[in-house]
Amino acid sequence: MHVASAPKKRKNKYGAKKSGGYASTKEHKRANELKLMQRAGLITNLREQVKYVLIPTQRDAAGNLLEKECSYYADFVYDKDGQLVVEDTKGMRTPEYRLKRKLMLYVHGISIVEK
């Protein structure tokens, strides 16, 4: 008799382990640090997973979809000393991330702070 085994959990390609609802333990730790900083009044308006459209959806004259939008999701966005900070917690800087980082600067004029 063959007993079906439970489906195997997929490992993250870069070895990151999910923690506390975050993509990695590093991101979880940074979220906790930022929450403490906000409570202490060092930063304000902390937000997570903020979407920035880098290239909008492309459609032809009839409205048919040609290409979906390309977006970047910032891990954390907050205000510090009157400045907007867009922060990403990176363990591995993939080619896709490096391209999106460049597009963030070009399209939105925002330099991503990497932690």
C-alpha atoms as a PDB file:
ATOM      1  CA  MET A   1       0.000   0.000   0.000  1.00  0.00           C
ATOM      2  CA  HIS A   2       1.340   3.422  -0.992  1.00  0.00           C
ATOM      3  CA  VAL A   3       0.935   6.261   1.482  1.00  0.00           C
ATOM      4  CA  ALA A   4       0.977   9.747   0.006  1.00  0.00           C
ATOM      5  CA  SER A   5       3.545  11.922   1.647  1.00  0.00           C
ATOM      6  CA  ALA A   6       2.981  15.551   2.527  1.00  0.00           C
ATOM      7  CA  PRO A   7       4.057  17.964  -0.213  1.00  0.00           C
ATOM      8  CA  LYS A   8       7.610  19.154   0.238  1.00  0.00           C
ATOM      9  CA  LYS A   9       8.076  22.773   1.186  1.00  0.00           C
ATOM     10  CA  ARG A  10      10.095  24.633  -1.396  1.00  0.00           C
ATOM     11  CA  LYS A  11      13.308  26.149  -0.164  1.00  0.00           C
ATOM     12  CA  ASN A  12      13.969  29.757  -0.975  1.00  0.00           C
ATOM     13  CA  LYS A  13      16.303  30.060  -3.931  1.00  0.00           C
ATOM     14  CA  TYR A  14      18.734  32.163  -1.891  1.00  0.00           C
ATOM     15  CA  GLY A  15      18.325  30.348   1.436  1.00  0.00           C
ATOM     16  CA  ALA A  16      16.084  32.932   3.140  1.00  0.00           C
ATOM     17  CA  LYS A  17      13.716  31.550   5.763  1.00  0.00           C
ATOM     18  CA  LYS A  18      10.319  33.140   6.350  1.00  0.00           C
ATOM     19  CA  SER A  19       9.861  34.601   9.807  1.00  0.00           C
ATOM     20  CA  GLY A  20       6.925  36.286  11.500  1.00  0.00           C
ATOM     21  CA  GLY A  21       5.094  36.864   8.222  1.00  0.00           C
ATOM     22  CA  TYR A  22       8.154  38.397   6.555  1.00  0.00           C
ATOM     23  CA  ALA A  23      10.153  37.048   3.611  1.00  0.00           C
ATOM     24  CA  SER A  24      13.250  36.525   5.759  1.00  0.00           C
ATOM     25  CA  THR A  25      14.472  36.642   9.337  1.00  0.00           C
ATOM     26  CA  LYS A  26      16.599  39.659   8.363  1.00  0.00           C
ATOM     27  CA  GLU A  27      13.509  41.550   7.150  1.00  0.00           C
ATOM     28  CA  HIS A  28      11.565  40.521  10.278  1.00  0.00           C
ATOM     29  CA  LYS A  29      14.355  41.819  12.530  1.00  0.00           C
ATOM     30  CA  ARG A  30      14.532  45.102  10.608  1.00  0.00           C
ATOM     31  CA  ALA A  31      10.734  45.532  10.847  1.00  0.00           C
ATOM     32  CA  ASN A  32      10.938  45.180  14.621  1.00  0.00           C
ATOM     33  CA  GLU A  33      13.784  47.726  14.777  1.00  0.00           C
ATOM     34  CA  LEU A  34      11.810  50.232  12.686  1.00  0.00           C
ATOM     35  CA  LYS A  35       8.682  49.757  14.801  1.00  0.00           C
ATOM     36  CA  LEU A  36      10.724  50.534  17.919  1.00  0.00           C
ATOM     37  CA  MET A  37      12.226  53.587  16.206  1.00  0.00           C
ATOM     38  CA  GLN A  38       8.722  54.819  15.346  1.00  0.00           C
ATOM     39  CA  ARG A  39       7.546  54.359  18.943  1.00  0.00           C
ATOM     40  CA  ALA A  40      10.599  56.333  20.097  1.00  0.00           C
ATOM     41  CA  GLY A  41       9.760  59.143  17.673  1.00  0.00           C
ATOM     42  CA  LEU A  42      12.906  58.691  15.577  1.00  0.00           C
ATOM     43  CA  ILE A  43      10.880  57.960  12.418  1.00  0.00           C
ATOM     44  CA  THR A  44       7.246  58.517  11.409  1.00  0.00           C
ATOM     45  CA  ASN A  45       4.709  57.159   8.924  1.00  0.00           C
ATOM     46  CA  LEU A  46       6.211  53.652   8.722  1.00  0.00           C
ATOM     47  CA  ARG A  47       4.653  51.595   5.928  1.00  0.00           C
ATOM     48  CA  GLU A  48       5.459  48.145   4.578  1.00  0.00           C
ATOM     49  CA  GLN A  49       5.353  46.646   1.094  1.00  0.00           C
ATOM     50  CA  VAL A  50       4.730  49.948  -0.679  1.00  0.00           C
ATOM     51  CA  LYS A  51       4.174  49.585  -4.430  1.00  0.00           C
ATOM     52  CA  TYR A  52       5.952  51.832  -6.946  1.00  0.00           C
ATOM     53  CA  VAL A  53       5.040  51.479 -10.633  1.00  0.00           C
ATOM     54  CA  LEU A  54       8.200  51.589 -12.717  1.00  0.00           C
ATOM     55  CA  ILE A  55       6.709  50.931 -16.161  1.00  0.00           C
ATOM     56  CA  PRO A  56       2.931  51.221 -16.595  1.00  0.00           C
ATOM     57  CA  THR A  57       0.760  48.653 -18.370  1.00  0.00           C
ATOM     58  CA  GLN A  58       1.176  48.832 -22.158  1.00  0.00           C
ATOM     59  CA  ARG A  59      -1.902  48.540 -24.393  1.00  0.00           C
ATOM     60  CA  ASP A  60      -2.470  48.869 -28.134  1.00  0.00           C
ATOM     61  CA  ALA A  61      -4.894  51.384 -29.695  1.00  0.00           C
ATOM     62  CA  ALA A  62      -7.807  48.939 -29.223  1.00  0.00           C
ATOM     63  CA  GLY A  63      -7.022  48.569 -25.530  1.00  0.00           C
ATOM     64  CA  ASN A  64      -5.610  45.048 -25.770  1.00  0.00           C
ATOM     65  CA  LEU A  65      -2.933  44.211 -23.235  1.00  0.00           C
ATOM     66  CA  LEU A  66       0.570  44.173 -24.688  1.00  0.00           C
ATOM     67  CA  GLU A  67       2.644  44.153 -21.492  1.00  0.00           C
ATOM     68  CA  LYS A  68       1.759  44.135 -17.795  1.00  0.00           C
ATOM     69  CA  GLU A  69       3.134  46.856 -15.563  1.00  0.00           C
ATOM     70  CA  CYS A  70       6.524  46.466 -13.924  1.00  0.00           C
ATOM     71  CA  SER A  71       6.469  47.374 -10.230  1.00  0.00           C
ATOM     72  CA  TYR A  72       8.837  47.497  -7.293  1.00  0.00           C
ATOM     73  CA  TYR A  73       7.611  46.759  -3.769  1.00  0.00           C
ATOM     74  CA  ALA A  74       9.664  48.523  -1.101  1.00  0.00           C
ATOM     75  CA  ASP A  75      10.055  46.549   2.105  1.00  0.00           C
ATOM     76  CA  PHE A  76       9.744  49.707   4.221  1.00  0.00           C
ATOM     77  CA  VAL A  77       8.939  53.367   3.614  1.00  0.00           C
ATOM     78  CA  TYR A  78       9.095  55.991   6.359  1.00  0.00           C
ATOM     79  CA  ASP A  79       9.891  59.613   7.109  1.00  0.00           C
ATOM     80  CA  LYS A  80      13.077  60.511   8.952  1.00  0.00           C
ATOM     81  CA  ASP A  81      14.161  64.087   9.649  1.00  0.00           C
ATOM     82  CA  GLY A  82      11.687  65.375   7.046  1.00  0.00           C
ATOM     83  CA  GLN A  83      12.986  63.054   4.320  1.00  0.00           C
ATOM     84  CA  LEU A  84      11.238  60.095   2.703  1.00  0.00           C
ATOM     85  CA  VAL A  85      13.237  56.880   3.132  1.00  0.00           C
ATOM     86  CA  VAL A  86      12.599  53.866   0.886  1.00  0.00           C
ATOM     87  CA  GLU A  87      14.353  50.848   2.341  1.00  0.00           C
ATOM     88  CA  ASP A  88      14.945  47.320   1.145  1.00  0.00           C
ATOM     89  CA  THR A  89      16.324  44.514   3.281  1.00  0.00           C
ATOM     90  CA  LYS A  90      18.576  42.558   0.965  1.00  0.00           C
ATOM     91  CA  GLY A  91      20.531  39.403   1.426  1.00  0.00           C
ATOM     92  CA  MET A  92      21.091  38.898  -2.295  1.00  0.00           C
ATOM     93  CA  ARG A  93      21.120  41.646  -4.924  1.00  0.00           C
ATOM     94  CA  THR A  94      19.652  39.886  -7.944  1.00  0.00           C
ATOM     95  CA  PRO A  95      19.981  41.296 -11.477  1.00  0.00           C
ATOM     96  CA  GLU A  96      16.215  42.003 -11.424  1.00  0.00           C
ATOM     97  CA  TYR A  97      16.539  43.958  -8.174  1.00  0.00           C
ATOM     98  CA  ARG A  98      19.520  45.963  -9.479  1.00  0.00           C
ATOM     99  CA  LEU A  99      17.508  46.951 -12.568  1.00  0.00           C
ATOM    100  CA  LYS A 100      14.498  47.963 -10.462  1.00  0.00           C
ATOM    101  CA  ARG A 101      16.778  49.971  -8.141  1.00  0.00           C
ATOM    102  CA  LYS A 102      18.035  51.910 -11.182  1.00  0.00           C
ATOM    103  CA  LEU A 103      14.482  52.420 -12.453  1.00  0.00           C
ATOM    104  CA  MET A 104      13.386  53.739  -9.037  1.00  0.00           C
ATOM    105  CA  LEU A 105      16.061  56.431  -9.277  1.00  0.00           C
ATOM    106  CA  TYR A 106      15.291  57.236 -12.921  1.00  0.00           C
ATOM    107  CA  VAL A 107      11.474  57.175 -12.759  1.00  0.00           C
ATOM    108  CA  HIS A 108      10.787  58.374  -9.206  1.00  0.00           C
ATOM    109  CA  GLY A 109      14.065  60.084  -8.241  1.00  0.00           C
ATOM    110  CA  ILE A 110      14.340  57.778  -5.225  1.00  0.00           C
ATOM    111  CA  SER A 111      17.564  56.086  -4.103  1.00  0.00           C
ATOM    112  CA  ILE A 112      16.777  52.890  -2.236  1.00  0.00           C
ATOM    113  CA  VAL A 113      18.493  52.456   1.128  1.00  0.00           C
ATOM    114  CA  GLU A 114      19.725  48.873   1.434  1.00  0.00           C
ATOM    115  CA  LYS A 115      19.992  47.189   4.831  1.00  0.00           C
END
